[in-house]
Amino acid sequence: MKTFKENLEELGLLENDFLDSKEEFKKYLHAQVDEILKHRWIKSEKVGDDLGHKAEEEWIELFSREFRKLHWDKERKTFIP
């Protein structure tokens, strides 16, 4: 599994000033957390028990890369929620 910094480098984000737009980045992070929690809830409901971090880690492994791609605005070089 890649580190956060490696993922940023892969997307070319360390070369840009995307962190200057903190509000968009915060909205992006909140949207990502919402998706992780939805995944955890759905998986937990299916088995009748709270799967906790296991379900959260599963979302990261299965969906985080695509989520980043979908929420990266190449023209503006920033994340969008």
PDB file of N, CA and C in Angstrom:
ATOM      1  N   MET A   1       0.849  -1.176   0.000  1.00  0.00           N
ATOM      2  CA  MET A   1       0.000   0.000   0.000  1.00  0.00           C
ATOM      3  C   MET A   1       0.896   1.241   0.000  1.00  0.00           C
ATOM      4  N   LYS A   2       0.556   2.195  -0.846  1.00  0.00           N
ATOM      5  CA  LYS A   2       1.360   3.411  -0.960  1.00  0.00           C
ATOM      6  C   LYS A   2       1.074   4.366   0.185  1.00  0.00           C
ATOM      7  N   THR A   3       2.055   5.180   0.497  1.00  0.00           N
ATOM      8  CA  THR A   3       1.861   6.205   1.516  1.00  0.00           C
ATOM      9  C   THR A   3       1.072   7.363   0.912  1.00  0.00           C
ATOM     10  N   PHE A   4       0.556   8.226   1.767  1.00  0.00           N
ATOM     11  CA  PHE A   4      -0.174   9.405   1.296  1.00  0.00           C
ATOM     12  C   PHE A   4       0.716  10.260   0.402  1.00  0.00           C
ATOM     13  N   LYS A   5       1.967  10.441   0.808  1.00  0.00           N
ATOM     14  CA  LYS A   5       2.900  11.243   0.010  1.00  0.00           C
ATOM     15  C   LYS A   5       3.137  10.610  -1.361  1.00  0.00           C
ATOM     16  N   GLU A   6       3.274   9.304  -1.416  1.00  0.00           N
ATOM     17  CA  GLU A   6       3.464   8.618  -2.702  1.00  0.00           C
ATOM     18  C   GLU A   6       2.251   8.799  -3.610  1.00  0.00           C
ATOM     19  N   ASN A   7       1.048   8.744  -3.010  1.00  0.00           N
ATOM     20  CA  ASN A   7      -0.161   8.973  -3.799  1.00  0.00           C
ATOM     21  C   ASN A   7      -0.206  10.397  -4.338  1.00  0.00           C
ATOM     22  N   LEU A   8       0.195  11.363  -3.520  1.00  0.00           N
ATOM     23  CA  LEU A   8       0.228  12.755  -3.982  1.00  0.00           C
ATOM     24  C   LEU A   8       1.239  12.928  -5.108  1.00  0.00           C
ATOM     25  N   GLU A   9       2.390  12.297  -4.962  1.00  0.00           N
ATOM     26  CA  GLU A   9       3.410  12.382  -6.011  1.00  0.00           C
ATOM     27  C   GLU A   9       2.900  11.770  -7.310  1.00  0.00           C
ATOM     28  N   GLU A  10       2.222  10.631  -7.206  1.00  0.00           N
ATOM     29  CA  GLU A  10       1.696   9.957  -8.393  1.00  0.00           C
ATOM     30  C   GLU A  10       0.703  10.841  -9.145  1.00  0.00           C
ATOM     31  N   LEU A  11      -0.104  11.589  -8.388  1.00  0.00           N
ATOM     32  CA  LEU A  11      -1.077  12.475  -9.015  1.00  0.00           C
ATOM     33  C   LEU A  11      -0.465  13.819  -9.415  1.00  0.00           C
ATOM     34  N   GLY A  12       0.806  14.011  -9.097  1.00  0.00           N
ATOM     35  CA  GLY A  12       1.467  15.267  -9.443  1.00  0.00           C
ATOM     36  C   GLY A  12       1.056  16.418  -8.545  1.00  0.00           C
ATOM     37  N   LEU A  13       0.622  16.109  -7.338  1.00  0.00           N
ATOM     38  CA  LEU A  13       0.086  17.154  -6.472  1.00  0.00           C
ATOM     39  C   LEU A  13       1.144  17.874  -5.663  1.00  0.00           C
ATOM     40  N   LEU A  14       2.274  17.263  -5.470  1.00  0.00           N
ATOM     41  CA  LEU A  14       3.304  17.930  -4.680  1.00  0.00           C
ATOM     42  C   LEU A  14       3.929  19.084  -5.444  1.00  0.00           C
ATOM     43  N   GLU A  15       3.762  19.082  -6.754  1.00  0.00           N
ATOM     44  CA  GLU A  15       4.322  20.152  -7.568  1.00  0.00           C
ATOM     45  C   GLU A  15       3.385  21.347  -7.654  1.00  0.00           C
ATOM     46  N   ASN A  16       2.164  21.216  -7.180  1.00  0.00           N
ATOM     47  CA  ASN A  16       1.154  22.253  -7.338  1.00  0.00           C
ATOM     48  C   ASN A  16       0.830  22.918  -6.015  1.00  0.00           C
ATOM     49  N   ASP A  17       0.077  23.981  -6.090  1.00  0.00           N
ATOM     50  CA  ASP A  17      -0.319  24.724  -4.898  1.00  0.00           C
ATOM     51  C   ASP A  17      -1.726  24.365  -4.465  1.00  0.00           C
ATOM     52  N   PHE A  18      -2.102  23.087  -4.635  1.00  0.00           N
ATOM     53  CA  PHE A  18      -3.474  22.726  -4.343  1.00  0.00           C
ATOM     54  C   PHE A  18      -3.817  22.914  -2.871  1.00  0.00           C
ATOM     55  N   LEU A  19      -2.831  22.862  -1.992  1.00  0.00           N
ATOM     56  CA  LEU A  19      -3.138  23.032  -0.573  1.00  0.00           C
ATOM     57  C   LEU A  19      -3.492  24.470  -0.230  1.00  0.00           C
ATOM     58  N   ASP A  20      -3.256  25.402  -1.155  1.00  0.00           N
ATOM     59  CA  ASP A  20      -3.650  26.786  -0.922  1.00  0.00           C
ATOM     60  C   ASP A  20      -5.163  26.916  -0.876  1.00  0.00           C
ATOM     61  N   SER A  21      -5.859  26.054  -1.570  1.00  0.00           N
ATOM     62  CA  SER A  21      -7.321  26.093  -1.554  1.00  0.00           C
ATOM     63  C   SER A  21      -7.818  25.124  -0.484  1.00  0.00           C
ATOM     64  N   LYS A  22      -7.619  25.499   0.758  1.00  0.00           N
ATOM     65  CA  LYS A  22      -7.898  24.623   1.888  1.00  0.00           C
ATOM     66  C   LYS A  22      -9.367  24.245   2.001  1.00  0.00           C
ATOM     67  N   GLU A  23     -10.255  25.160   1.647  1.00  0.00           N
ATOM     68  CA  GLU A  23     -11.679  24.861   1.767  1.00  0.00           C
ATOM     69  C   GLU A  23     -12.089  23.716   0.846  1.00  0.00           C
ATOM     70  N   GLU A  24     -11.626  23.752  -0.412  1.00  0.00           N
ATOM     71  CA  GLU A  24     -11.954  22.660  -1.325  1.00  0.00           C
ATOM     72  C   GLU A  24     -11.370  21.341  -0.822  1.00  0.00           C
ATOM     73  N   PHE A  25     -10.157  21.401  -0.299  1.00  0.00           N
ATOM     74  CA  PHE A  25      -9.518  20.184   0.189  1.00  0.00           C
ATOM     75  C   PHE A  25     -10.262  19.636   1.405  1.00  0.00           C
ATOM     76  N   LYS A  26     -10.703  20.522   2.298  1.00  0.00           N
ATOM     77  CA  LYS A  26     -11.474  20.078   3.457  1.00  0.00           C
ATOM     78  C   LYS A  26     -12.783  19.433   3.019  1.00  0.00           C
ATOM     79  N   LYS A  27     -13.451  20.033   2.027  1.00  0.00           N
ATOM     80  CA  LYS A  27     -14.697  19.457   1.523  1.00  0.00           C
ATOM     81  C   LYS A  27     -14.443  18.090   0.900  1.00  0.00           C
ATOM     82  N   TYR A  28     -13.342  17.986   0.174  1.00  0.00           N
ATOM     83  CA  TYR A  28     -12.959  16.704  -0.423  1.00  0.00           C
ATOM     84  C   TYR A  28     -12.755  15.648   0.670  1.00  0.00           C
ATOM     85  N   LEU A  29     -12.028  16.002   1.714  1.00  0.00           N
ATOM     86  CA  LEU A  29     -11.773  15.051   2.797  1.00  0.00           C
ATOM     87  C   LEU A  29     -13.066  14.634   3.485  1.00  0.00           C
ATOM     88  N   HIS A  30     -13.960  15.597   3.716  1.00  0.00           N
ATOM     89  CA  HIS A  30     -15.244  15.269   4.339  1.00  0.00           C
ATOM     90  C   HIS A  30     -16.055  14.330   3.447  1.00  0.00           C
ATOM     91  N   ALA A  31     -16.045  14.576   2.150  1.00  0.00           N
ATOM     92  CA  ALA A  31     -16.765  13.704   1.221  1.00  0.00           C
ATOM     93  C   ALA A  31     -16.195  12.289   1.259  1.00  0.00           C
ATOM     94  N   GLN A  32     -14.871  12.193   1.350  1.00  0.00           N
ATOM     95  CA  GLN A  32     -14.226  10.884   1.407  1.00  0.00           C
ATOM     96  C   GLN A  32     -14.586  10.157   2.704  1.00  0.00           C
ATOM     97  N   VAL A  33     -14.552  10.859   3.816  1.00  0.00           N
ATOM     98  CA  VAL A  33     -14.914  10.248   5.099  1.00  0.00           C
ATOM     99  C   VAL A  33     -16.366   9.791   5.068  1.00  0.00           C
ATOM    100  N   ASP A  34     -17.259  10.595   4.486  1.00  0.00           N
ATOM    101  CA  ASP A  34     -18.661  10.200   4.370  1.00  0.00           C
ATOM    102  C   ASP A  34     -18.802   8.882   3.608  1.00  0.00           C
ATOM    103  N   GLU A  35     -18.067   8.750   2.507  1.00  0.00           N
ATOM    104  CA  GLU A  35     -18.127   7.514   1.711  1.00  0.00           C
ATOM    105  C   GLU A  35     -17.591   6.321   2.497  1.00  0.00           C
ATOM    106  N   ILE A  36     -16.528   6.533   3.240  1.00  0.00           N
ATOM    107  CA  ILE A  36     -15.953   5.459   4.056  1.00  0.00           C
ATOM    108  C   ILE A  36     -16.959   5.008   5.106  1.00  0.00           C
ATOM    109  N   LEU A  37     -17.600   5.969   5.767  1.00  0.00           N
ATOM    110  CA  LEU A  37     -18.567   5.625   6.811  1.00  0.00           C
ATOM    111  C   LEU A  37     -19.815   4.948   6.232  1.00  0.00           C
ATOM    112  N   LYS A  38     -20.241   5.358   5.051  1.00  0.00           N
ATOM    113  CA  LYS A  38     -21.373   4.682   4.395  1.00  0.00           C
ATOM    114  C   LYS A  38     -21.012   3.226   4.116  1.00  0.00           C
ATOM    115  N   HIS A  39     -19.804   3.014   3.604  1.00  0.00           N
ATOM    116  CA  HIS A  39     -19.343   1.656   3.300  1.00  0.00           C
ATOM    117  C   HIS A  39     -19.317   0.818   4.581  1.00  0.00           C
ATOM    118  N   ARG A  40     -18.793   1.398   5.650  1.00  0.00           N
ATOM    119  CA  ARG A  40     -18.728   0.686   6.936  1.00  0.00           C
ATOM    120  C   ARG A  40     -20.129   0.322   7.412  1.00  0.00           C
ATOM    121  N   TRP A  41     -21.068   1.262   7.302  1.00  0.00           N
ATOM    122  CA  TRP A  41     -22.431   1.018   7.762  1.00  0.00           C
ATOM    123  C   TRP A  41     -23.077  -0.090   6.942  1.00  0.00           C
ATOM    124  N   ILE A  42     -22.970  -0.016   5.621  1.00  0.00           N
ATOM    125  CA  ILE A  42     -23.593  -1.025   4.754  1.00  0.00           C
ATOM    126  C   ILE A  42     -23.019  -2.411   5.031  1.00  0.00           C
ATOM    127  N   LYS A  43     -21.697  -2.504   5.089  1.00  0.00           N
ATOM    128  CA  LYS A  43     -21.056  -3.804   5.351  1.00  0.00           C
ATOM    129  C   LYS A  43     -21.448  -4.341   6.723  1.00  0.00           C
ATOM    130  N   SER A  44     -21.500  -3.470   7.716  1.00  0.00           N
ATOM    131  CA  SER A  44     -21.853  -3.884   9.073  1.00  0.00           C
ATOM    132  C   SER A  44     -23.302  -4.348   9.153  1.00  0.00           C
ATOM    133  N   GLU A  45     -24.198  -3.636   8.470  1.00  0.00           N
ATOM    134  CA  GLU A  45     -25.610  -4.037   8.455  1.00  0.00           C
ATOM    135  C   GLU A  45     -25.788  -5.421   7.834  1.00  0.00           C
ATOM    136  N   LYS A  46     -25.025  -5.702   6.795  1.00  0.00           N
ATOM    137  CA  LYS A  46     -25.151  -7.000   6.112  1.00  0.00           C
ATOM    138  C   LYS A  46     -24.809  -8.173   7.030  1.00  0.00           C
ATOM    139  N   VAL A  47     -23.813  -7.968   7.906  1.00  0.00           N
ATOM    140  CA  VAL A  47     -23.407  -9.075   8.788  1.00  0.00           C
ATOM    141  C   VAL A  47     -24.008  -8.961  10.184  1.00  0.00           C
ATOM    142  N   GLY A  48     -24.679  -7.849  10.480  1.00  0.00           N
ATOM    143  CA  GLY A  48     -25.316  -7.693  11.784  1.00  0.00           C
ATOM    144  C   GLY A  48     -24.353  -7.361  12.909  1.00  0.00           C
ATOM    145  N   ASP A  49     -23.194  -6.813  12.571  1.00  0.00           N
ATOM    146  CA  ASP A  49     -22.202  -6.442  13.583  1.00  0.00           C
ATOM    147  C   ASP A  49     -21.347  -5.307  13.031  1.00  0.00           C
ATOM    148  N   ASP A  50     -20.844  -4.461  13.917  1.00  0.00           N
ATOM    149  CA  ASP A  50     -20.003  -3.346  13.477  1.00  0.00           C
ATOM    150  C   ASP A  50     -18.624  -3.875  13.071  1.00  0.00           C
ATOM    151  N   LEU A  51     -18.287  -3.725  11.800  1.00  0.00           N
ATOM    152  CA  LEU A  51     -17.001  -4.209  11.304  1.00  0.00           C
ATOM    153  C   LEU A  51     -15.858  -3.225  11.555  1.00  0.00           C
ATOM    154  N   GLY A  52     -16.181  -2.007  11.947  1.00  0.00           N
ATOM    155  CA  GLY A  52     -15.167  -1.034  12.340  1.00  0.00           C
ATOM    156  C   GLY A  52     -14.101  -0.776  11.303  1.00  0.00           C
ATOM    157  N   HIS A  53     -12.859  -0.776  11.786  1.00  0.00           N
ATOM    158  CA  HIS A  53     -11.718  -0.431  10.931  1.00  0.00           C
ATOM    159  C   HIS A  53     -11.536  -1.393   9.756  1.00  0.00           C
ATOM    160  N   LYS A  54     -11.973  -2.610   9.929  1.00  0.00           N
ATOM    161  CA  LYS A  54     -11.837  -3.585   8.842  1.00  0.00           C
ATOM    162  C   LYS A  54     -12.590  -3.097   7.596  1.00  0.00           C
ATOM    163  N   ALA A  55     -13.810  -2.617   7.773  1.00  0.00           N
ATOM    164  CA  ALA A  55     -14.598  -2.103   6.644  1.00  0.00           C
ATOM    165  C   ALA A  55     -13.997  -0.812   6.102  1.00  0.00           C
ATOM    166  N   GLU A  56     -13.472   0.026   6.983  1.00  0.00           N
ATOM    167  CA  GLU A  56     -12.849   1.281   6.548  1.00  0.00           C
ATOM    168  C   GLU A  56     -11.604   0.997   5.706  1.00  0.00           C
ATOM    169  N   GLU A  57     -10.797   0.071   6.171  1.00  0.00           N
ATOM    170  CA  GLU A  57      -9.592  -0.297   5.419  1.00  0.00           C
ATOM    171  C   GLU A  57      -9.956  -0.936   4.080  1.00  0.00           C
ATOM    172  N   GLU A  58     -11.046  -1.700   4.069  1.00  0.00           N
ATOM    173  CA  GLU A  58     -11.496  -2.302   2.822  1.00  0.00           C
ATOM    174  C   GLU A  58     -11.859  -1.213   1.805  1.00  0.00           C
ATOM    175  N   TRP A  59     -12.582  -0.168   2.243  1.00  0.00           N
ATOM    176  CA  TRP A  59     -12.938   0.928   1.335  1.00  0.00           C
ATOM    177  C   TRP A  59     -11.686   1.583   0.770  1.00  0.00           C
ATOM    178  N   ILE A  60     -10.712   1.816   1.639  1.00  0.00           N
ATOM    179  CA  ILE A  60      -9.469   2.455   1.190  1.00  0.00           C
ATOM    180  C   ILE A  60      -8.799   1.606   0.119  1.00  0.00           C
ATOM    181  N   GLU A  61      -8.718   0.316   0.357  1.00  0.00           N
ATOM    182  CA  GLU A  61      -8.079  -0.579  -0.617  1.00  0.00           C
ATOM    183  C   GLU A  61      -8.856  -0.660  -1.929  1.00  0.00           C
ATOM    184  N   LEU A  62     -10.189  -0.702  -1.841  1.00  0.00           N
ATOM    185  CA  LEU A  62     -11.010  -0.924  -3.027  1.00  0.00           C
ATOM    186  C   LEU A  62     -11.373   0.350  -3.795  1.00  0.00           C
ATOM    187  N   PHE A  63     -11.582   1.458  -3.078  1.00  0.00           N
ATOM    188  CA  PHE A  63     -12.194   2.615  -3.719  1.00  0.00           C
ATOM    189  C   PHE A  63     -11.420   3.926  -3.634  1.00  0.00           C
ATOM    190  N   SER A  64     -10.423   4.037  -2.782  1.00  0.00           N
ATOM    191  CA  SER A  64      -9.781   5.343  -2.575  1.00  0.00           C
ATOM    192  C   SER A  64      -9.095   5.877  -3.830  1.00  0.00           C
ATOM    193  N   ARG A  65      -8.440   5.017  -4.579  1.00  0.00           N
ATOM    194  CA  ARG A  65      -7.745   5.469  -5.792  1.00  0.00           C
ATOM    195  C   ARG A  65      -8.743   6.064  -6.792  1.00  0.00           C
ATOM    196  N   GLU A  66      -9.832   5.372  -7.033  1.00  0.00           N
ATOM    197  CA  GLU A  66     -10.844   5.872  -7.975  1.00  0.00           C
ATOM    198  C   GLU A  66     -11.507   7.142  -7.450  1.00  0.00           C
ATOM    199  N   PHE A  67     -11.742   7.200  -6.139  1.00  0.00           N
ATOM    200  CA  PHE A  67     -12.343   8.392  -5.535  1.00  0.00           C
ATOM    201  C   PHE A  67     -11.460   9.609  -5.788  1.00  0.00           C
ATOM    202  N   ARG A  68     -10.151   9.456  -5.587  1.00  0.00           N
ATOM    203  CA  ARG A  68      -9.223  10.570  -5.839  1.00  0.00           C
ATOM    204  C   ARG A  68      -9.268  11.007  -7.295  1.00  0.00           C
ATOM    205  N   LYS A  69      -9.277  10.029  -8.191  1.00  0.00           N
ATOM    206  CA  LYS A  69      -9.308  10.359  -9.621  1.00  0.00           C
ATOM    207  C   LYS A  69     -10.585  11.125  -9.985  1.00  0.00           C
ATOM    208  N   LEU A  70     -11.709  10.691  -9.431  1.00  0.00           N
ATOM    209  CA  LEU A  70     -12.976  11.340  -9.740  1.00  0.00           C
ATOM    210  C   LEU A  70     -13.084  12.752  -9.174  1.00  0.00           C
ATOM    211  N   HIS A  71     -12.351  13.008  -8.110  1.00  0.00           N
ATOM    212  CA  HIS A  71     -12.475  14.295  -7.427  1.00  0.00           C
ATOM    213  C   HIS A  71     -11.282  15.221  -7.655  1.00  0.00           C
ATOM    214  N   TRP A  72     -10.453  14.934  -8.598  1.00  0.00           N
ATOM    215  CA  TRP A  72      -9.300  15.782  -8.912  1.00  0.00           C
ATOM    216  C   TRP A  72      -9.618  16.587 -10.163  1.00  0.00           C
ATOM    217  N   ASP A  73      -9.623  17.891 -10.045  1.00  0.00           N
ATOM    218  CA  ASP A  73      -9.873  18.777 -11.181  1.00  0.00           C
ATOM    219  C   ASP A  73      -8.522  19.113 -11.811  1.00  0.00           C
ATOM    220  N   LYS A  74      -8.242  18.518 -12.956  1.00  0.00           N
ATOM    221  CA  LYS A  74      -6.934  18.693 -13.606  1.00  0.00           C
ATOM    222  C   LYS A  74      -6.685  20.126 -14.043  1.00  0.00           C
ATOM    223  N   GLU A  75      -7.716  20.787 -14.531  1.00  0.00           N
ATOM    224  CA  GLU A  75      -7.536  22.159 -15.005  1.00  0.00           C
ATOM    225  C   GLU A  75      -7.228  23.117 -13.864  1.00  0.00           C
ATOM    226  N   ARG A  76      -7.992  23.009 -12.784  1.00  0.00           N
ATOM    227  CA  ARG A  76      -7.795  23.908 -11.649  1.00  0.00           C
ATOM    228  C   ARG A  76      -6.700  23.410 -10.704  1.00  0.00           C
ATOM    229  N   LYS A  77      -6.284  22.173 -10.890  1.00  0.00           N
ATOM    230  CA  LYS A  77      -5.277  21.542 -10.042  1.00  0.00           C
ATOM    231  C   LYS A  77      -5.679  21.614  -8.563  1.00  0.00           C
ATOM    232  N   THR A  78      -6.884  21.136  -8.294  1.00  0.00           N
ATOM    233  CA  THR A  78      -7.392  21.094  -6.926  1.00  0.00           C
ATOM    234  C   THR A  78      -8.388  19.957  -6.803  1.00  0.00           C
ATOM    235  N   PHE A  79      -8.713  19.596  -5.577  1.00  0.00           N
ATOM    236  CA  PHE A  79      -9.728  18.590  -5.327  1.00  0.00           C
ATOM    237  C   PHE A  79     -11.092  19.254  -5.305  1.00  0.00           C
ATOM    238  N   ILE A  80     -12.091  18.520  -5.767  1.00  0.00           N
ATOM    239  CA  ILE A  80     -13.463  18.995  -5.697  1.00  0.00           C
ATOM    240  C   ILE A  80     -14.286  17.978  -4.929  1.00  0.00           C
ATOM    241  N   PRO A  81     -15.180  18.436  -4.084  1.00  0.00           N
ATOM    242  CA  PRO A  81     -15.997  17.498  -3.278  1.00  0.00           C
ATOM    243  C   PRO A  81     -17.009  16.757  -4.125  1.00  0.00           C
TER     244      PRO A  81
END
